[in-house]
C-alpha atoms as a PDB file:
ATOM      1  CA  MET A   1       0.000   0.000   0.000  1.00  0.00           C
ATOM      2  CA  THR A   2       1.347   3.406  -0.888  1.00  0.00           C
ATOM      3  CA  VAL A   3       0.482   6.742   0.662  1.00  0.00           C
ATOM      4  CA  MET A   4       0.131   9.779  -1.581  1.00  0.00           C
ATOM      5  CA  THR A   5       1.612  13.013  -0.242  1.00  0.00           C
ATOM      6  CA  ALA A   6       0.825  16.596  -1.271  1.00  0.00           C
ATOM      7  CA  GLN A   7       3.578  16.359  -3.916  1.00  0.00           C
ATOM      8  CA  SER A   8       2.020  13.191  -5.406  1.00  0.00           C
ATOM      9  CA  SER A   9       5.106  11.084  -4.872  1.00  0.00           C
ATOM     10  CA  PRO A  10       4.310   7.621  -3.527  1.00  0.00           C
ATOM     11  CA  ARG A  11       6.097   6.460  -0.420  1.00  0.00           C
ATOM     12  CA  PRO A  12       5.790   3.076   1.246  1.00  0.00           C
ATOM     13  CA  ALA A  13       3.349   2.737   4.109  1.00  0.00           C
ATOM     14  CA  PRO A  14       4.893   2.211   7.530  1.00  0.00           C
ATOM     15  CA  PRO A  15       5.156  -1.455   8.509  1.00  0.00           C
ATOM     16  CA  ARG A  16       2.394  -2.738  10.726  1.00  0.00           C
ATOM     17  CA  PRO A  17       3.363  -3.496  14.316  1.00  0.00           C
ATOM     18  CA  ASP A  18       4.000  -7.066  15.357  1.00  0.00           C
ATOM     19  CA  SER A  19       1.030  -8.707  17.001  1.00  0.00           C
ATOM     20  CA  ALA A  20       0.899 -11.994  18.840  1.00  0.00           C
ATOM     21  CA  LEU A  21      -2.892 -12.081  18.536  1.00  0.00           C
ATOM     22  CA  PRO A  22      -3.956 -15.521  17.279  1.00  0.00           C
ATOM     23  CA  PRO A  23      -6.505 -15.876  14.486  1.00  0.00           C
ATOM     24  CA  LEU A  24     -10.217 -15.644  15.268  1.00  0.00           C
ATOM     25  CA  TRP A  25     -10.877 -19.312  14.536  1.00  0.00           C
ATOM     26  CA  ALA A  26      -8.268 -20.351  17.110  1.00  0.00           C
ATOM     27  CA  ARG A  27      -9.839 -18.145  19.785  1.00  0.00           C
ATOM     28  CA  ILE A  28     -13.284 -19.597  19.047  1.00  0.00           C
ATOM     29  CA  VAL A  29     -11.948 -23.158  19.277  1.00  0.00           C
ATOM     30  CA  ALA A  30     -10.200 -22.349  22.569  1.00  0.00           C
ATOM     31  CA  PHE A  31     -13.342 -20.813  24.081  1.00  0.00           C
ATOM     32  CA  THR A  32     -15.438 -23.783  22.980  1.00  0.00           C
ATOM     33  CA  SER A  33     -12.925 -26.232  24.433  1.00  0.00           C
ATOM     34  CA  VAL A  34     -13.061 -24.454  27.809  1.00  0.00           C
ATOM     35  CA  LEU A  35     -16.852 -24.749  27.808  1.00  0.00           C
ATOM     36  CA  VAL A  36     -16.738 -28.426  26.819  1.00  0.00           C
ATOM     37  CA  GLY A  37     -14.121 -29.125  29.499  1.00  0.00           C
ATOM     38  CA  GLY A  38     -16.265 -27.438  32.139  1.00  0.00           C
ATOM     39  CA  VAL A  39     -19.359 -29.408  31.152  1.00  0.00           C
ATOM     40  CA  ALA A  40     -17.389 -32.670  31.102  1.00  0.00           C
ATOM     41  CA  GLY A  41     -15.982 -31.902  34.554  1.00  0.00           C
ATOM     42  CA  GLY A  42     -19.478 -31.189  35.832  1.00  0.00           C
ATOM     43  CA  PHE A  43     -20.727 -34.512  34.520  1.00  0.00           C
ATOM     44  CA  ILE A  44     -17.824 -36.345  36.120  1.00  0.00           C
ATOM     45  CA  GLY A  45     -18.353 -34.564  39.445  1.00  0.00           C
ATOM     46  CA  ALA A  46     -22.083 -35.324  39.416  1.00  0.00           C
ATOM     47  CA  ALA A  47     -21.489 -38.967  38.520  1.00  0.00           C
ATOM     48  CA  PHE A  48     -18.934 -39.298  41.307  1.00  0.00           C
ATOM     49  CA  GLY A  49     -21.345 -37.684  43.774  1.00  0.00           C
ATOM     50  CA  ARG A  50     -24.152 -40.081  42.825  1.00  0.00           C
ATOM     51  CA  LEU A  51     -21.796 -43.059  42.824  1.00  0.00           C
ATOM     52  CA  ALA A  52     -20.498 -42.209  46.302  1.00  0.00           C
ATOM     53  CA  ASN A  53     -24.101 -41.730  47.462  1.00  0.00           C
ATOM     54  CA  PHE A  54     -23.564 -38.165  48.677  1.00  0.00           C
ATOM     55  CA  GLY A  55     -26.548 -35.959  49.384  1.00  0.00           C
ATOM     56  CA  SER A  56     -27.958 -33.688  46.730  1.00  0.00           C
ATOM     57  CA  ILE A  57     -26.210 -30.583  48.093  1.00  0.00           C
ATOM     58  CA  ALA A  58     -22.832 -32.315  48.231  1.00  0.00           C
ATOM     59  CA  THR A  59     -23.358 -33.697  44.730  1.00  0.00           C
ATOM     60  CA  GLY A  60     -24.207 -30.213  43.456  1.00  0.00           C
ATOM     61  CA  ALA A  61     -21.140 -28.734  45.133  1.00  0.00           C
ATOM     62  CA  LEU A  62     -18.975 -31.488  43.656  1.00  0.00           C
ATOM     63  CA  LEU A  63     -20.498 -30.819  40.230  1.00  0.00           C
ATOM     64  CA  LEU A  64     -19.661 -27.120  40.517  1.00  0.00           C
ATOM     65  CA  LEU A  65     -16.133 -27.640  41.832  1.00  0.00           C
ATOM     66  CA  CYS A  66     -15.238 -30.266  39.238  1.00  0.00           C
ATOM     67  CA  GLY A  67     -16.736 -28.175  36.423  1.00  0.00           C
ATOM     68  CA  LEU A  68     -14.760 -25.095  37.451  1.00  0.00           C
ATOM     69  CA  GLY A  69     -11.587 -27.125  38.008  1.00  0.00           C
ATOM     70  CA  PHE A  70     -11.762 -28.824  34.622  1.00  0.00           C
ATOM     71  CA  ALA A  71     -12.600 -25.546  32.851  1.00  0.00           C
ATOM     72  CA  GLY A  72      -9.660 -23.852  34.581  1.00  0.00           C
ATOM     73  CA  GLY A  73      -7.277 -26.599  33.524  1.00  0.00           C
ATOM     74  CA  VAL A  74      -8.447 -26.495  29.926  1.00  0.00           C
ATOM     75  CA  ALA A  75      -8.223 -22.687  29.982  1.00  0.00           C
ATOM     76  CA  VAL A  76      -4.557 -22.829  31.020  1.00  0.00           C
ATOM     77  CA  VAL A  77      -3.751 -25.183  28.155  1.00  0.00           C
ATOM     78  CA  ALA A  78      -5.802 -23.055  25.730  1.00  0.00           C
ATOM     79  CA  VAL A  79      -4.017 -19.832  26.711  1.00  0.00           C
ATOM     80  CA  LEU A  80      -0.593 -21.422  26.330  1.00  0.00           C
ATOM     81  CA  THR A  81      -1.579 -22.844  22.955  1.00  0.00           C
ATOM     82  CA  LEU A  82      -2.956 -19.507  21.734  1.00  0.00           C
ATOM     83  CA  ARG A  83       0.175 -17.662  22.809  1.00  0.00           C
ATOM     84  CA  ALA A  84       2.393 -20.184  21.027  1.00  0.00           C
ATOM     85  CA  LEU A  85       0.246 -19.979  17.886  1.00  0.00           C
ATOM     86  CA  GLY A  86       0.324 -16.186  17.858  1.00  0.00           C
ATOM     87  CA  GLU A  87       4.076 -16.116  18.339  1.00  0.00           C
ATOM     88  CA  TRP A  88       4.569 -18.710  15.633  1.00  0.00           C
ATOM     89  CA  ASN A  89       2.470 -16.660  13.174  1.00  0.00           C
ATOM     90  CA  THR A  90       4.524 -13.533  13.987  1.00  0.00           C
ATOM     91  CA  ILE A  91       7.797 -15.362  13.352  1.00  0.00           C
ATOM     92  CA  ARG A  92       6.448 -16.878  10.139  1.00  0.00           C
ATOM     93  CA  ASP A  93       5.304 -13.456   8.869  1.00  0.00           C
ATOM     94  CA  ARG A  94       8.787 -11.983   9.404  1.00  0.00           C
ATOM     95  CA  ALA A  95      10.449 -14.651   7.262  1.00  0.00           C
END
């Protein structure tokens, strides 16, 4: 892209700044995986609560804790993956 000045002589546009922002599709996949991990953790916690014959309140608490724990674990992996992908794209664009 060229920028026209008042003298009508083209000059190159300044280079865009480096960005480690991953593509949109990768962010959508990461968000979806966190949701799926949380739901799976909730199912596992509820199944464990019913299997251990806990009361309904304890089973609900276990469902919530397992769901949040699983979602947090998947979120950590997703963030690390997104950062690596963004950095990799930046390095590839420089070459």
